[in-house]
């Protein structure tokens, strides 16, 4: 893990909103970690394609969640991932 994190900045999910407002993260190699705290039943978009929505949290501030939308191959590969997975 140390090798994979070398030269990268860790941003907690609960800090993401404020960091996006105050820093130019496009110029930084950053990572975040989250736990799937809620999954919405897969839905169909207007174009007929199915997608999933996950609510992610870093377990530091349970009021701060990030919604992650999964489309295409990512949805097909990961939509069955269990709630509680990191």
Protein backbone atom coordinates (compact mmCIF):
# COMPACT_ATOMS: atom_id res chain seq x y z
CA UNK A 1 0.00 0.00 0.00
CA UNK A 2 2.87 2.35 0.80
CA UNK A 3 4.27 1.92 -2.71
CA UNK A 4 0.88 2.59 -4.34
CA UNK A 5 0.33 5.70 -2.19
CA UNK A 6 3.80 7.16 -2.80
CA UNK A 7 3.59 10.75 -4.12
CA UNK A 8 -0.21 10.76 -3.82
CA UNK A 9 -2.35 12.90 -1.57
CA UNK A 10 -5.02 11.23 0.57
CA UNK A 11 -8.26 13.19 0.70
CA UNK A 12 -10.97 11.86 2.98
CA UNK A 13 -14.44 11.68 1.46
CA UNK A 14 -15.74 13.92 4.24
CA UNK A 15 -13.19 16.58 3.13
CA UNK A 16 -13.77 16.23 -0.60
CA UNK A 17 -16.36 19.01 -0.99
CA UNK A 18 -14.21 21.60 0.79
CA UNK A 19 -11.04 20.49 -1.03
CA UNK A 20 -12.78 20.79 -4.41
CA UNK A 21 -13.82 24.34 -3.50
CA UNK A 22 -10.38 25.47 -2.30
CA UNK A 23 -7.82 23.48 -4.31
CA UNK A 24 -7.23 22.65 -7.96
CA UNK A 25 -7.29 18.86 -7.64
CA UNK A 26 -6.81 18.38 -11.38
CA UNK A 27 -3.14 19.17 -10.82
CA UNK A 28 -2.73 16.79 -7.86
CA UNK A 29 -2.43 13.00 -7.87
CA UNK A 30 -4.95 12.22 -5.13
CA UNK A 31 -6.86 9.21 -3.85
CA UNK A 32 -9.76 8.60 -1.54
CA UNK A 33 -11.31 5.61 0.19
CA UNK A 34 -14.94 4.98 0.96
CA UNK A 35 -17.37 2.44 2.29
CA UNK A 36 -20.58 1.69 0.42
CA UNK A 37 -23.18 2.74 2.99
CA UNK A 38 -26.20 2.57 0.68
CA UNK A 39 -26.97 1.12 -2.72
CA UNK A 40 -29.92 2.15 -4.83
CA UNK A 41 -31.58 -0.58 -6.90
CA UNK A 42 -30.14 -0.41 -10.46
CA UNK A 43 -32.13 1.96 -12.64
CA UNK A 44 -32.60 2.54 -16.35
CA UNK A 45 -31.59 5.80 -17.97
CA UNK A 46 -33.66 7.45 -20.71
CA UNK A 47 -31.47 5.73 -23.31
CA UNK A 48 -32.36 2.31 -21.85
CA UNK A 49 -28.98 1.64 -20.29
CA UNK A 50 -28.85 0.43 -16.71
CA UNK A 51 -26.80 2.20 -14.03
CA UNK A 52 -26.24 2.02 -10.28
CA UNK A 53 -25.90 4.64 -7.57
CA UNK A 54 -23.80 4.06 -4.47
CA UNK A 55 -23.61 6.33 -1.43
CA UNK A 56 -20.05 6.32 -0.07
CA UNK A 57 -18.77 7.51 3.32
CA UNK A 58 -15.39 7.50 5.07
CA UNK A 59 -16.99 6.66 8.47
CA UNK A 60 -15.53 9.83 9.96
CA UNK A 61 -18.58 12.04 9.39
CA UNK A 62 -21.71 10.00 8.67
CA UNK A 63 -23.55 13.12 7.47
CA UNK A 64 -21.08 13.63 4.59
CA UNK A 65 -21.67 11.14 1.76
CA UNK A 66 -20.63 11.10 -1.86
CA UNK A 67 -22.90 9.65 -4.55
CA UNK A 68 -21.10 7.52 -7.12
CA UNK A 69 -22.89 6.72 -10.39
CA UNK A 70 -21.77 3.53 -12.17
CA UNK A 71 -22.41 3.24 -15.91
CA UNK A 72 -21.45 0.88 -18.72
CA UNK A 73 -18.82 -1.78 -18.06
CA UNK A 74 -18.19 -0.48 -14.54
CA UNK A 75 -21.86 -1.00 -13.69
CA UNK A 76 -21.87 -4.49 -15.26
CA UNK A 77 -18.76 -5.54 -13.36
CA UNK A 78 -19.55 -4.05 -9.94
CA UNK A 79 -23.32 -3.67 -9.47
CA UNK A 80 -23.49 -6.76 -7.23
CA UNK A 81 -20.84 -5.41 -4.83
CA UNK A 82 -22.13 -5.70 -1.26
CA UNK A 83 -23.08 -2.76 0.90
CA UNK A 84 -20.33 -2.33 3.52
CA UNK A 85 -17.54 -2.99 1.03
CA UNK A 86 -14.56 -0.62 1.05
